[in-house]
Amino acid sequence: MFGIIHDVIPRKSVLGRKAAGDGVEYQMIASNVDVALIVQSCHFDFNINRLERYLVMVRSGHIHPVIVLTKTDLVEPETLQQLVEKIRSAGINAQVIALSSVTGEGVNDVRDILQPGKTYCLLGSSGVGKSTLINQLIGCNILETKVVSGTGEGRHTTVRRELIMLDNGAMLIDNPGMREFGILRAEEGMGDSFADIYTLASECRYGDCSHSNEPGCAVLSAIEDGTIHPSHYQNFLKLRRESEFHDLSCLEKRKKDKAFGRFVKSVKNDLGITRKKR
């Protein structure tokens, strides 16, 4: 048997990152994802800066984010409330679901958002409970899990991406824990994740304000009066510089590749090397 591809349907969403290493290649992780469940542990893994980085990556690919805080049984209710407040104080307005795989509390909240025909993916560090959550949603231990080390450092269990069909018709993609992921092609995601800063930027005295030391900067004024948290602002600057650097590097690489291609073609022409016509 054989098939003929008549057309390729355009991707409606993409999840990608800068490939690991010194290069500037764009690595595709998944496509046509509707919702990304960004998973962080309430115990050791919680990190606002990393959460903002995930949100930029997800929103840049036109994917709706939902934040899942796991292992609530390891912290006091007051601590959980403080973590949620940190998320909100950073200007993050995405839905937050808190759960415990030990007590089962909150798992049904995740189950309720999974709609038939929709594709969901789980993102997060190793050991935060992504595979355990999927096992609970499925109702059996289909995915291998491991105990987290005593230091709280996650251990890799999932080593490949796997698409799992749930009984209600929803689809789940389990992703390996990411040790690193650079930001590339993230202009739109930056605007969505740091909407508070971009809104204030429109009130700056100068249109090209860098929000570093210019007089009349509305962003710096908001930091001084406590409207914007300094760490939120610093992470914004860091991610913007990283995105601009990688985007520029990627553009320069494409220019060099095109220039090299033209050089090879000219050498072939000079040597009389031409492609034979069939």
Protein backbone atom coordinates (compact mmCIF):
# COMPACT_ATOMS: atom_id res chain seq x y z
CA MET A 1 0.00 0.00 0.00
CA PHE A 2 1.08 3.55 -0.59
CA GLY A 3 -0.36 7.00 -0.11
CA ILE A 4 -0.09 10.32 -1.86
CA ILE A 5 0.20 13.58 0.09
CA HIS A 6 -2.06 16.09 -1.65
CA ASP A 7 -1.68 18.94 0.82
CA VAL A 8 -0.19 19.78 4.21
CA ILE A 9 -2.48 21.50 6.71
CA PRO A 10 -0.76 24.52 8.31
CA ARG A 11 0.04 24.26 12.00
CA LYS A 12 -2.40 26.18 14.19
CA SER A 13 0.08 26.32 17.06
CA VAL A 14 3.70 25.38 17.74
CA LEU A 15 5.76 24.65 20.81
CA GLY A 16 9.45 25.20 20.24
CA ARG A 17 12.66 26.45 21.75
CA LYS A 18 16.21 27.28 20.84
CA ALA A 19 17.99 23.98 20.45
CA ALA A 20 20.36 23.09 23.27
CA GLY A 21 23.98 24.11 22.77
CA ASP A 22 25.70 27.11 21.22
CA GLY A 23 23.77 27.06 17.96
CA VAL A 24 20.69 29.12 17.14
CA GLU A 25 18.56 26.45 15.53
CA TYR A 26 14.84 26.33 16.33
CA GLN A 27 13.82 22.97 17.81
CA MET A 28 10.20 21.94 17.39
CA ILE A 29 8.75 20.19 20.45
CA ALA A 30 5.10 19.77 19.47
CA SER A 31 2.50 21.29 17.18
CA ASN A 32 -1.27 21.77 17.07
CA VAL A 33 -1.41 21.90 20.86
CA ASP A 34 -4.44 23.67 22.34
CA VAL A 35 -3.43 23.96 26.00
CA ALA A 36 -0.07 23.66 27.76
CA LEU A 37 -0.10 22.54 31.38
CA ILE A 38 2.97 24.17 32.95
CA VAL A 39 3.81 22.01 35.95
CA GLN A 40 5.84 23.17 38.94
CA SER A 41 6.22 21.58 42.35
CA CYS A 42 5.25 23.55 45.45
CA HIS A 43 8.14 21.96 47.31
CA PHE A 44 11.56 22.43 45.64
CA ASP A 45 10.88 23.31 42.02
CA PHE A 46 8.82 26.51 42.29
CA ASN A 47 10.53 29.35 40.40
CA ILE A 48 8.77 32.47 39.11
CA ASN A 49 11.48 33.34 36.57
CA ARG A 50 11.34 29.87 35.03
CA LEU A 51 7.55 30.03 35.03
CA GLU A 52 7.65 33.31 33.09
CA ARG A 53 10.07 31.72 30.63
CA TYR A 54 7.65 28.83 30.03
CA LEU A 55 4.78 31.28 29.55
CA VAL A 56 6.72 33.23 26.92
CA MET A 57 7.51 30.04 25.01
CA VAL A 58 3.92 28.79 25.19
CA ARG A 59 2.23 32.05 24.26
CA SER A 60 4.66 32.66 21.40
CA GLY A 61 3.29 29.50 19.80
CA HIS A 62 -0.37 30.58 20.23
CA ILE A 63 -1.01 27.99 22.95
CA HIS A 64 -3.22 28.65 25.97
CA PRO A 65 -1.32 28.19 29.28
CA VAL A 66 -2.58 26.65 32.52
CA ILE A 67 -0.31 26.55 35.58
CA VAL A 68 -0.36 23.35 37.66
CA LEU A 69 1.19 23.39 41.14
CA THR A 70 1.86 19.86 42.36
CA LYS A 71 2.82 18.23 45.67
CA THR A 72 0.61 20.51 47.78
CA ASP A 73 0.69 17.83 50.48
CA LEU A 74 4.33 18.75 51.16
CA VAL A 75 3.59 22.38 52.08
CA GLU A 76 1.28 24.18 54.47
CA PRO A 77 -1.86 25.86 53.08
CA GLU A 78 -0.35 29.24 53.97
CA THR A 79 2.72 28.45 51.87
CA LEU A 80 0.57 27.45 48.90
CA GLN A 81 -1.34 30.73 49.19
CA GLN A 82 1.94 32.65 49.22
CA LEU A 83 3.06 30.88 46.03
CA VAL A 84 -0.18 31.82 44.27
CA GLU A 85 0.23 35.41 45.46
CA LYS A 86 3.76 35.47 44.02
CA ILE A 87 2.35 34.35 40.67
CA ARG A 88 -0.28 37.08 40.68
CA SER A 89 2.13 39.78 41.89
CA ALA A 90 4.32 38.97 38.86
CA GLY A 91 1.44 39.98 36.60
CA ILE A 92 0.66 36.39 35.60
CA ASN A 93 -3.08 35.97 35.04
CA ALA A 94 -3.12 32.38 33.75
CA GLN A 95 -5.37 29.85 35.46
CA VAL A 96 -3.71 28.10 38.42
CA ILE A 97 -4.62 24.58 39.57
CA ALA A 98 -3.09 23.19 42.78
CA LEU A 99 -3.09 19.44 43.36
CA SER A 100 -1.62 16.55 45.28
CA SER A 101 -1.08 13.17 43.68
CA VAL A 102 -0.95 11.66 47.18
CA THR A 103 -4.33 12.90 48.43
CA GLY A 104 -5.89 13.25 44.98
CA GLU A 105 -7.03 16.77 45.79
CA GLY A 106 -7.12 18.96 42.68
CA VAL A 107 -6.73 16.12 40.15
CA ASN A 108 -10.40 16.41 39.17
CA ASP A 109 -9.83 20.13 38.53
CA VAL A 110 -7.33 19.14 35.83
CA ARG A 111 -9.66 16.44 34.53
CA ASP A 112 -12.47 19.01 34.20
CA ILE A 113 -10.51 21.20 31.76
CA LEU A 114 -9.65 18.31 29.42
CA GLN A 115 -12.10 18.51 26.52
CA PRO A 116 -12.72 15.87 23.84
CA GLY A 117 -10.83 16.50 20.60
CA LYS A 118 -8.40 18.94 22.23
CA THR A 119 -4.65 18.37 22.58
CA TYR A 120 -2.83 19.13 25.82
CA CYS A 121 0.85 18.93 26.70
CA LEU A 122 2.65 18.86 30.02
CA LEU A 123 5.75 21.00 30.49
CA GLY A 124 8.03 21.20 33.49
CA SER A 125 11.24 20.09 35.11
CA SER A 126 12.05 16.48 35.92
CA GLY A 127 10.43 15.11 39.05
CA VAL A 128 7.55 17.59 39.35
CA GLY A 129 4.93 14.87 38.83
CA LYS A 130 3.94 15.10 35.16
CA SER A 131 3.91 11.34 34.55
CA THR A 132 2.24 10.69 37.91
CA LEU A 133 -0.53 13.12 36.99
CA ILE A 134 -1.08 11.40 33.64
CA ASN A 135 -1.28 8.02 35.39
CA GLN A 136 -3.99 9.39 37.67
CA LEU A 137 -5.93 10.87 34.77
CA ILE A 138 -5.74 7.54 32.93
CA GLY A 139 -6.53 5.48 35.99
CA CYS A 140 -3.53 3.13 35.74
CA ASN A 141 0.27 3.27 35.94
CA ILE A 142 0.98 3.34 32.22
CA LEU A 143 3.99 5.68 32.62
CA GLU A 144 7.07 4.96 34.72
CA THR A 145 7.73 7.25 37.66
CA LYS A 146 10.67 7.64 40.05
CA VAL A 147 11.14 9.00 43.54
CA VAL A 148 12.66 12.48 43.67
CA SER A 149 16.10 12.69 45.28
CA GLY A 150 16.48 13.85 48.86
CA THR A 151 17.76 17.23 47.68
CA GLY A 152 14.59 17.80 45.70
CA GLU A 153 16.34 17.47 42.36
CA GLY A 154 14.18 15.82 39.74
CA ARG A 155 15.13 12.56 38.08
CA HIS A 156 14.46 11.96 34.41
CA THR A 157 11.80 9.30 33.87
CA THR A 158 10.15 10.32 30.59
CA VAL A 159 12.77 10.06 27.85
CA ARG A 160 10.54 10.60 24.80
CA ARG A 161 7.42 12.50 23.87
CA GLU A 162 4.31 10.37 23.88
CA LEU A 163 0.74 11.12 22.80
CA ILE A 164 -1.86 9.50 25.04
CA MET A 165 -5.57 9.28 24.28
CA LEU A 166 -7.87 9.64 27.30
CA ASP A 167 -11.23 7.90 27.58
CA ASN A 168 -13.14 11.15 26.95
CA GLY A 169 -11.29 11.81 23.67
CA ALA A 170 -8.83 14.39 24.99
CA MET A 171 -5.17 13.90 24.00
CA LEU A 172 -2.20 14.38 26.32
CA ILE A 173 1.45 14.80 25.33
CA ASP A 174 3.97 13.90 28.03
CA ASN A 175 7.28 15.73 27.51
CA PRO A 176 10.66 14.92 29.08
CA GLY A 177 11.83 17.40 31.70
CA MET A 178 13.70 20.31 30.15
CA ARG A 179 17.17 21.01 31.52
CA GLU A 180 17.41 24.19 29.47
CA PHE A 181 15.36 26.01 26.88
CA GLY A 182 16.39 29.20 25.18
CA ILE A 183 13.91 31.80 23.98
CA LEU A 184 13.69 32.27 20.21
CA ARG A 185 11.00 33.95 18.07
CA ALA A 186 9.33 35.16 21.26
CA GLU A 187 8.22 38.71 20.48
CA GLU A 188 4.51 37.92 20.67
CA GLY A 189 4.92 35.76 23.76
CA MET A 190 6.83 38.55 25.49
CA GLY A 191 3.97 40.95 24.83
CA ASP A 192 1.43 38.57 26.34
CA SER A 193 3.48 37.49 29.36
CA PHE A 194 4.67 40.98 30.26
CA ALA A 195 1.52 42.86 29.26
CA ASP A 196 1.75 45.06 32.36
CA ILE A 197 5.18 46.35 31.38
CA TYR A 198 4.25 46.82 27.72
CA THR A 199 1.12 48.75 28.74
CA LEU A 200 3.16 51.08 30.94
CA ALA A 201 5.77 51.46 28.18
CA SER A 202 3.20 53.27 26.05
CA GLU A 203 3.15 56.01 28.72
CA CYS A 204 6.91 56.63 28.66
CA ARG A 205 8.10 60.08 27.61
CA TYR A 206 10.20 58.68 24.76
CA GLY A 207 8.90 56.25 22.18
CA ASP A 208 12.19 54.35 22.06
CA CYS A 209 12.56 54.17 25.82
CA SER A 210 14.72 51.22 26.92
CA HIS A 211 13.31 51.37 30.47
CA SER A 212 16.79 51.50 31.96
CA ASN A 213 17.62 55.09 32.96
CA GLU A 214 15.60 57.47 30.79
CA PRO A 215 13.71 60.36 32.47
CA GLY A 216 9.96 60.06 32.31
CA CYS A 217 10.02 56.25 32.10
CA ALA A 218 6.65 54.94 33.29
CA VAL A 219 8.08 51.45 33.88
CA LEU A 220 10.79 52.68 36.25
CA SER A 221 8.23 54.84 38.04
CA ALA A 222 6.02 51.77 38.54
CA ILE A 223 8.96 49.92 40.07
CA GLU A 224 9.64 52.79 42.46
CA ASP A 225 6.04 52.97 43.69
CA GLY A 226 5.76 49.17 44.01
CA THR A 227 3.32 48.59 41.14
CA ILE A 228 5.84 46.29 39.41
CA HIS A 229 8.10 43.95 41.35
CA PRO A 230 11.83 44.46 40.61
CA SER A 231 12.42 40.74 39.93
CA HIS A 232 9.57 40.75 37.38
CA TYR A 233 11.20 43.72 35.66
CA GLN A 234 14.67 42.15 35.72
CA ASN A 235 13.36 38.92 34.20
CA PHE A 236 11.64 40.95 31.48
CA LEU A 237 14.95 42.62 30.58
CA LYS A 238 16.79 39.29 30.64
CA LEU A 239 14.31 37.47 28.40
CA ARG A 240 14.06 40.40 25.99
CA ARG A 241 17.86 40.58 25.60
CA GLU A 242 18.06 36.81 25.16
CA SER A 243 15.30 36.76 22.56
CA GLU A 244 16.79 39.68 20.61
CA PHE A 245 20.27 38.11 20.70
CA HIS A 246 19.08 34.70 19.47
CA ASP A 247 16.82 36.23 16.81
CA LEU A 248 19.70 38.36 15.52
CA SER A 249 22.06 35.38 15.56
CA CYS A 250 19.50 33.31 13.67
CA LEU A 251 19.11 36.07 11.05
CA GLU A 252 22.86 36.36 10.62
CA LYS A 253 23.16 32.59 10.21
CA ARG A 254 20.52 32.60 7.46
CA LYS A 255 22.34 35.43 5.68
CA LYS A 256 25.65 33.51 5.87
CA ASP A 257 23.97 30.34 4.59
CA LYS A 258 22.49 32.22 1.63
CA ALA A 259 25.82 33.91 0.90
CA PHE A 260 27.60 30.54 1.01
CA GLY A 261 25.00 29.05 -1.31
CA ARG A 262 25.54 31.86 -3.82
CA PHE A 263 29.31 31.36 -3.55
CA VAL A 264 29.03 27.63 -4.27
CA LYS A 265 26.77 28.32 -7.24
CA SER A 266 29.20 30.88 -8.69
CA VAL A 267 32.14 28.48 -8.29
CA LYS A 268 30.21 25.76 -10.10
CA ASN A 269 29.40 28.16 -12.92
CA ASP A 270 33.06 29.21 -13.19
CA LEU A 271 34.13 25.57 -13.37
CA GLY A 272 31.48 24.74 -15.91
CA ILE A 273 29.66 22.45 -13.54
CA THR A 274 25.98 22.49 -14.39
CA ARG A 275 23.10 20.30 -13.38
CA LYS A 276 22.19 17.82 -16.08
CA LYS A 277 18.69 18.15 -17.44
CA ARG A 278 16.57 15.05 -17.32
